N, C-alpha and C. Protein backbone atom coordinates (compact mmCIF):
# COMPACT_ATOMS: atom_id res chain seq x y z
N MET A 1 -63.71 -8.40 -13.49
CA MET A 1 -63.01 -7.93 -12.29
C MET A 1 -62.38 -9.44 -12.05
N SER A 2 -61.76 -9.26 -10.72
CA SER A 2 -60.96 -10.81 -10.50
C SER A 2 -61.02 -10.73 -9.21
N ASP A 3 -59.63 -11.12 -8.35
CA ASP A 3 -59.37 -11.87 -7.18
C ASP A 3 -59.39 -10.40 -6.26
N LYS A 4 -59.87 -11.28 -5.15
CA LYS A 4 -60.24 -9.45 -4.05
C LYS A 4 -59.19 -8.13 -3.32
N SER A 5 -60.17 -7.15 -3.95
CA SER A 5 -58.85 -5.85 -3.65
C SER A 5 -60.16 -5.12 -3.94
N THR A 6 -59.83 -3.74 -2.85
CA THR A 6 -60.72 -2.76 -2.50
C THR A 6 -61.08 -1.55 -4.11
N LYS A 7 -61.92 -2.31 -4.20
CA LYS A 7 -62.06 -1.43 -6.10
C LYS A 7 -62.51 0.09 -5.74
N SER A 8 -62.30 1.12 -6.41
CA SER A 8 -62.23 2.37 -6.10
C SER A 8 -63.75 2.46 -6.66
N GLU A 9 -64.01 3.92 -6.21
CA GLU A 9 -65.38 4.45 -6.52
C GLU A 9 -64.95 4.34 -8.16
N ASP A 10 -64.03 5.03 -9.17
CA ASP A 10 -63.97 5.22 -9.92
C ASP A 10 -64.02 4.46 -11.39
N PHE A 11 -63.29 3.08 -10.67
CA PHE A 11 -63.63 1.59 -11.06
C PHE A 11 -65.04 1.23 -11.06
N TYR A 12 -65.54 0.94 -9.96
CA TYR A 12 -66.99 1.34 -10.26
C TYR A 12 -67.91 1.77 -11.14
N SER A 13 -67.51 3.40 -11.44
CA SER A 13 -68.06 4.38 -12.38
C SER A 13 -67.71 3.59 -13.44
N ARG A 14 -66.51 3.38 -13.65
CA ARG A 14 -66.06 3.40 -15.53
C ARG A 14 -67.26 1.61 -15.43
N PHE A 15 -66.93 1.41 -14.97
CA PHE A 15 -67.93 -0.38 -14.61
C PHE A 15 -69.45 -0.61 -14.89
N LYS A 16 -70.03 0.88 -14.65
CA LYS A 16 -71.07 1.07 -13.97
C LYS A 16 -71.57 1.61 -15.94
N ASP A 17 -70.94 2.03 -16.66
CA ASP A 17 -71.20 2.35 -17.74
C ASP A 17 -71.07 1.64 -18.64
N GLN A 18 -70.30 0.74 -18.58
CA GLN A 18 -69.69 -0.64 -19.45
C GLN A 18 -71.16 -1.33 -19.28
N LEU A 19 -72.45 -1.19 -18.32
CA LEU A 19 -73.01 -2.02 -18.31
C LEU A 19 -74.01 -1.81 -18.73
N LEU A 20 -73.95 -0.34 -18.80
CA LEU A 20 -75.43 0.86 -19.37
C LEU A 20 -75.20 -0.03 -20.74
N GLU A 21 -74.17 0.23 -21.63
CA GLU A 21 -73.92 0.13 -22.87
C GLU A 21 -73.67 -0.89 -23.25
N SER A 22 -73.22 -2.52 -22.51
CA SER A 22 -73.69 -3.79 -22.73
C SER A 22 -74.57 -4.52 -22.84
N GLN A 23 -75.92 -3.71 -22.22
CA GLN A 23 -77.29 -4.64 -21.94
C GLN A 23 -78.25 -3.70 -21.75
N ASP A 24 -78.67 -4.45 -22.14
CA ASP A 24 -80.87 -3.28 -21.46
C ASP A 24 -80.95 -3.79 -20.07
N TRP A 25 -81.44 -3.16 -19.19
CA TRP A 25 -81.68 -2.66 -18.23
C TRP A 25 -83.83 -2.40 -18.30
N PRO A 26 -84.30 -3.26 -17.46
CA PRO A 26 -83.47 -4.52 -16.87
C PRO A 26 -83.36 -5.42 -17.28
N GLY A 27 -82.94 -6.06 -16.10
CA GLY A 27 -82.21 -7.57 -17.14
C GLY A 27 -81.84 -8.84 -16.41
N ILE A 28 -81.23 -9.42 -16.84
CA ILE A 28 -80.71 -10.86 -16.07
C ILE A 28 -78.69 -10.59 -16.55
N TYR A 29 -78.44 -10.36 -15.13
CA TYR A 29 -76.83 -10.90 -15.03
C TYR A 29 -76.28 -11.71 -14.87
N ILE A 30 -74.89 -12.06 -15.42
CA ILE A 30 -74.68 -14.13 -14.71
C ILE A 30 -73.93 -12.63 -14.13
N PHE A 31 -73.31 -13.82 -12.81
CA PHE A 31 -72.68 -13.82 -12.38
C PHE A 31 -71.71 -14.80 -12.48
N LYS A 32 -70.18 -14.70 -12.28
CA LYS A 32 -69.18 -15.66 -11.99
C LYS A 32 -68.34 -15.48 -10.79
N PHE A 33 -68.42 -17.35 -10.31
CA PHE A 33 -67.27 -16.90 -8.61
C PHE A 33 -66.63 -18.31 -8.82
N ILE A 34 -65.18 -18.14 -8.58
CA ILE A 34 -64.18 -18.89 -8.31
C ILE A 34 -63.64 -19.77 -6.62
N VAL A 35 -64.15 -20.60 -6.47
CA VAL A 35 -63.64 -20.07 -4.58
C VAL A 35 -62.96 -21.29 -5.02
N LYS A 36 -62.25 -21.98 -3.56
CA LYS A 36 -61.91 -23.51 -3.67
C LYS A 36 -62.83 -23.98 -2.88
N ASP A 37 -62.61 -25.30 -3.43
CA ASP A 37 -64.00 -26.31 -2.58
C ASP A 37 -64.12 -26.49 -0.90
N LYS A 38 -65.59 -26.94 -0.63
CA LYS A 38 -65.05 -27.12 0.96
C LYS A 38 -64.48 -25.78 1.53
N SER A 39 -64.65 -24.83 1.22
CA SER A 39 -63.69 -24.00 2.04
C SER A 39 -64.53 -22.54 2.79
N GLU A 40 -64.49 -21.82 3.50
CA GLU A 40 -64.87 -21.41 4.36
C GLU A 40 -65.42 -20.00 3.51
N GLU A 41 -64.39 -19.74 2.40
CA GLU A 41 -64.86 -19.05 1.88
C GLU A 41 -66.25 -18.70 0.53
N TYR A 42 -66.44 -20.32 0.84
CA TYR A 42 -67.56 -20.71 -0.46
C TYR A 42 -69.06 -20.55 0.47
N VAL A 43 -68.73 -20.87 1.66
CA VAL A 43 -69.92 -21.03 2.79
C VAL A 43 -70.01 -19.27 2.60
N GLN A 44 -69.36 -18.64 2.54
CA GLN A 44 -69.95 -17.14 2.71
C GLN A 44 -70.16 -16.34 1.48
N LEU A 45 -69.78 -16.46 0.44
CA LEU A 45 -70.08 -16.63 -0.46
C LEU A 45 -71.53 -16.89 -0.75
N LYS A 46 -72.21 -18.14 -0.75
CA LYS A 46 -73.25 -18.79 -0.58
C LYS A 46 -74.45 -18.53 -0.05
N LYS A 47 -74.13 -17.46 1.16
CA LYS A 47 -74.76 -17.45 2.69
C LYS A 47 -75.29 -15.53 1.47
N TYR A 48 -74.40 -15.24 1.60
CA TYR A 48 -74.01 -14.27 1.14
C TYR A 48 -75.30 -14.00 -0.20
N LEU A 49 -74.70 -14.66 -0.59
CA LEU A 49 -75.73 -14.82 -2.21
C LEU A 49 -77.89 -15.25 -1.95
N ASN A 50 -77.62 -15.31 -1.14
CA ASN A 50 -79.09 -15.77 -0.60
C ASN A 50 -79.86 -15.43 -0.19
N ASN A 51 -79.02 -13.61 0.35
CA ASN A 51 -80.35 -12.94 0.11
C ASN A 51 -80.93 -12.13 -0.93
N TYR A 52 -80.46 -13.05 -2.17
CA TYR A 52 -81.33 -12.01 -3.52
C TYR A 52 -81.39 -13.53 -3.99
N GLU A 53 -83.06 -13.36 -5.34
CA GLU A 53 -83.36 -14.20 -5.33
C GLU A 53 -82.43 -14.70 -7.16
N GLY A 54 -82.03 -15.73 -6.98
CA GLY A 54 -81.45 -15.90 -8.90
C GLY A 54 -81.24 -16.87 -8.85
N LYS A 55 -81.38 -18.20 -10.27
CA LYS A 55 -80.56 -18.89 -9.99
C LYS A 55 -79.17 -19.60 -9.62
N LYS A 56 -79.63 -20.71 -8.49
CA LYS A 56 -77.81 -20.44 -9.02
C LYS A 56 -77.29 -22.27 -9.60
N SER A 57 -76.17 -22.22 -9.63
CA SER A 57 -75.09 -23.53 -10.56
C SER A 57 -74.52 -23.92 -9.87
N LEU A 58 -73.63 -24.93 -9.70
CA LEU A 58 -72.05 -24.96 -9.04
C LEU A 58 -71.59 -26.47 -10.60
N LYS A 59 -70.21 -25.82 -10.10
CA LYS A 59 -69.42 -26.60 -11.33
C LYS A 59 -68.31 -27.03 -10.05
N SER A 60 -67.89 -28.78 -10.41
CA SER A 60 -65.93 -28.43 -9.60
C SER A 60 -65.61 -29.30 -10.97
N SER A 61 -64.06 -28.34 -10.23
CA SER A 61 -62.86 -28.26 -11.47
C SER A 61 -62.73 -29.35 -11.68
N SER A 62 -61.51 -30.34 -12.49
CA SER A 62 -61.38 -31.40 -13.26
C SER A 62 -60.63 -32.43 -11.58
N ASN A 63 -59.88 -31.08 -11.47
CA ASN A 63 -59.13 -31.78 -9.78
C ASN A 63 -59.77 -31.82 -8.49
N ASN A 64 -61.50 -31.06 -8.81
CA ASN A 64 -61.74 -31.33 -7.17
C ASN A 64 -61.61 -29.98 -6.67
N LYS A 65 -60.54 -28.52 -6.73
CA LYS A 65 -60.38 -28.47 -5.37
C LYS A 65 -61.02 -26.71 -6.10
N PHE A 66 -60.96 -26.52 -6.97
CA PHE A 66 -62.14 -25.44 -6.78
C PHE A 66 -63.80 -25.82 -7.14
N LEU A 67 -64.54 -24.28 -6.75
CA LEU A 67 -65.51 -24.90 -7.34
C LEU A 67 -66.15 -23.34 -8.14
N SER A 68 -66.85 -23.49 -9.03
CA SER A 68 -67.18 -22.44 -9.78
C SER A 68 -68.81 -22.44 -9.62
N LEU A 69 -68.39 -21.21 -9.10
CA LEU A 69 -70.26 -20.74 -9.06
C LEU A 69 -70.68 -19.94 -10.02
N THR A 70 -72.07 -20.00 -10.79
CA THR A 70 -72.43 -19.31 -11.14
C THR A 70 -73.69 -19.13 -11.05
N PHE A 71 -74.03 -17.10 -10.75
CA PHE A 71 -75.18 -16.90 -10.41
C PHE A 71 -76.14 -16.29 -10.83
N GLU A 72 -77.48 -16.19 -12.14
CA GLU A 72 -77.97 -15.82 -12.70
C GLU A 72 -78.85 -14.58 -11.95
N TYR A 73 -79.45 -13.58 -11.82
CA TYR A 73 -80.21 -12.66 -11.56
C TYR A 73 -80.76 -11.62 -11.80
N TYR A 74 -81.76 -11.33 -12.10
CA TYR A 74 -82.32 -10.06 -12.46
C TYR A 74 -82.25 -8.97 -11.54
N ALA A 75 -81.37 -7.98 -12.27
CA ALA A 75 -80.81 -6.63 -12.19
C ALA A 75 -81.90 -5.88 -12.58
N ASN A 76 -82.64 -4.72 -11.94
CA ASN A 76 -82.80 -3.83 -12.15
C ASN A 76 -82.43 -2.51 -12.70
N THR A 77 -80.63 -2.09 -12.31
CA THR A 77 -79.68 -1.81 -12.93
C THR A 77 -78.73 -1.76 -12.28
N PRO A 78 -77.54 -1.51 -13.21
CA PRO A 78 -76.30 -1.25 -13.21
C PRO A 78 -75.81 -1.47 -11.35
N VAL A 79 -76.88 -0.88 -10.46
CA VAL A 79 -76.25 -0.34 -10.19
C VAL A 79 -76.67 -1.81 -8.66
N ASP A 80 -77.41 -2.53 -8.42
CA ASP A 80 -77.73 -3.72 -8.18
C ASP A 80 -77.00 -4.74 -8.38
N VAL A 81 -75.90 -4.79 -9.66
CA VAL A 81 -74.73 -5.68 -9.98
C VAL A 81 -73.87 -5.13 -8.84
N ILE A 82 -73.63 -4.32 -9.37
CA ILE A 82 -72.67 -3.32 -8.17
C ILE A 82 -72.65 -3.57 -7.18
N ASN A 83 -73.82 -3.20 -6.45
CA ASN A 83 -74.00 -3.68 -4.52
C ASN A 83 -73.35 -5.09 -4.38
N ILE A 84 -74.12 -6.03 -5.61
CA ILE A 84 -73.75 -7.48 -5.70
C ILE A 84 -71.61 -7.34 -4.90
N TYR A 85 -71.64 -7.16 -6.24
CA TYR A 85 -69.83 -7.17 -6.25
C TYR A 85 -69.49 -6.39 -5.27
N LYS A 86 -70.02 -4.72 -4.61
CA LYS A 86 -69.17 -4.81 -3.75
C LYS A 86 -69.42 -5.51 -2.23
N GLY A 87 -70.33 -6.12 -2.45
CA GLY A 87 -70.94 -7.04 -0.78
C GLY A 87 -69.87 -7.45 -0.48
N ILE A 88 -69.24 -9.04 -1.72
CA ILE A 88 -68.66 -9.86 -1.49
C ILE A 88 -66.91 -9.03 -1.02
N GLU A 89 -66.97 -7.29 -1.61
CA GLU A 89 -64.94 -7.57 -1.70
C GLU A 89 -64.62 -7.84 -0.27
N ASN A 90 -65.18 -8.38 0.75
CA ASN A 90 -64.84 -8.42 2.25
C ASN A 90 -64.24 -9.78 2.25
N ILE A 91 -64.78 -10.41 0.73
CA ILE A 91 -64.90 -12.33 1.58
C ILE A 91 -63.01 -12.67 0.29
N ASP A 92 -62.20 -13.32 1.15
CA ASP A 92 -61.25 -13.29 0.62
C ASP A 92 -61.01 -14.18 0.11
N ASN A 93 -60.29 -14.47 -0.70
CA ASN A 93 -59.88 -15.20 -1.52
C ASN A 93 -61.03 -15.99 -2.88
N ILE A 94 -62.10 -15.09 -3.53
CA ILE A 94 -62.09 -15.50 -4.19
C ILE A 94 -62.34 -14.53 -5.40
N ILE A 95 -62.25 -15.59 -6.61
CA ILE A 95 -62.31 -14.92 -7.56
C ILE A 95 -63.63 -14.15 -8.52
N SER A 96 -64.07 -13.40 -9.05
CA SER A 96 -64.53 -13.22 -9.96
C SER A 96 -64.73 -12.73 -10.86
N LEU A 97 -65.38 -13.47 -12.29
CA LEU A 97 -65.02 -12.98 -13.08
C LEU A 97 -66.01 -12.47 -14.15
């Protein structure tokens, strides 16, 4: 997945199929997000992810301009993963890997 853009339902349908093929469900899914350090986007992302239980870790870039946030989430189905991605679509300037 890439930086902010509204994804189509067709995109999410293909992504769901890929998730079904790539791992067992339920299971751990690892999200990775990149945002500018000390930005409003980071605050929004952190606040959104606080709605979900999972392990979060942060790493600063070498020049301290960006933060990489890794979120390990125990998802029951691929739909749970997709719902998190959909929930952050409205946050500008975020890169989802």
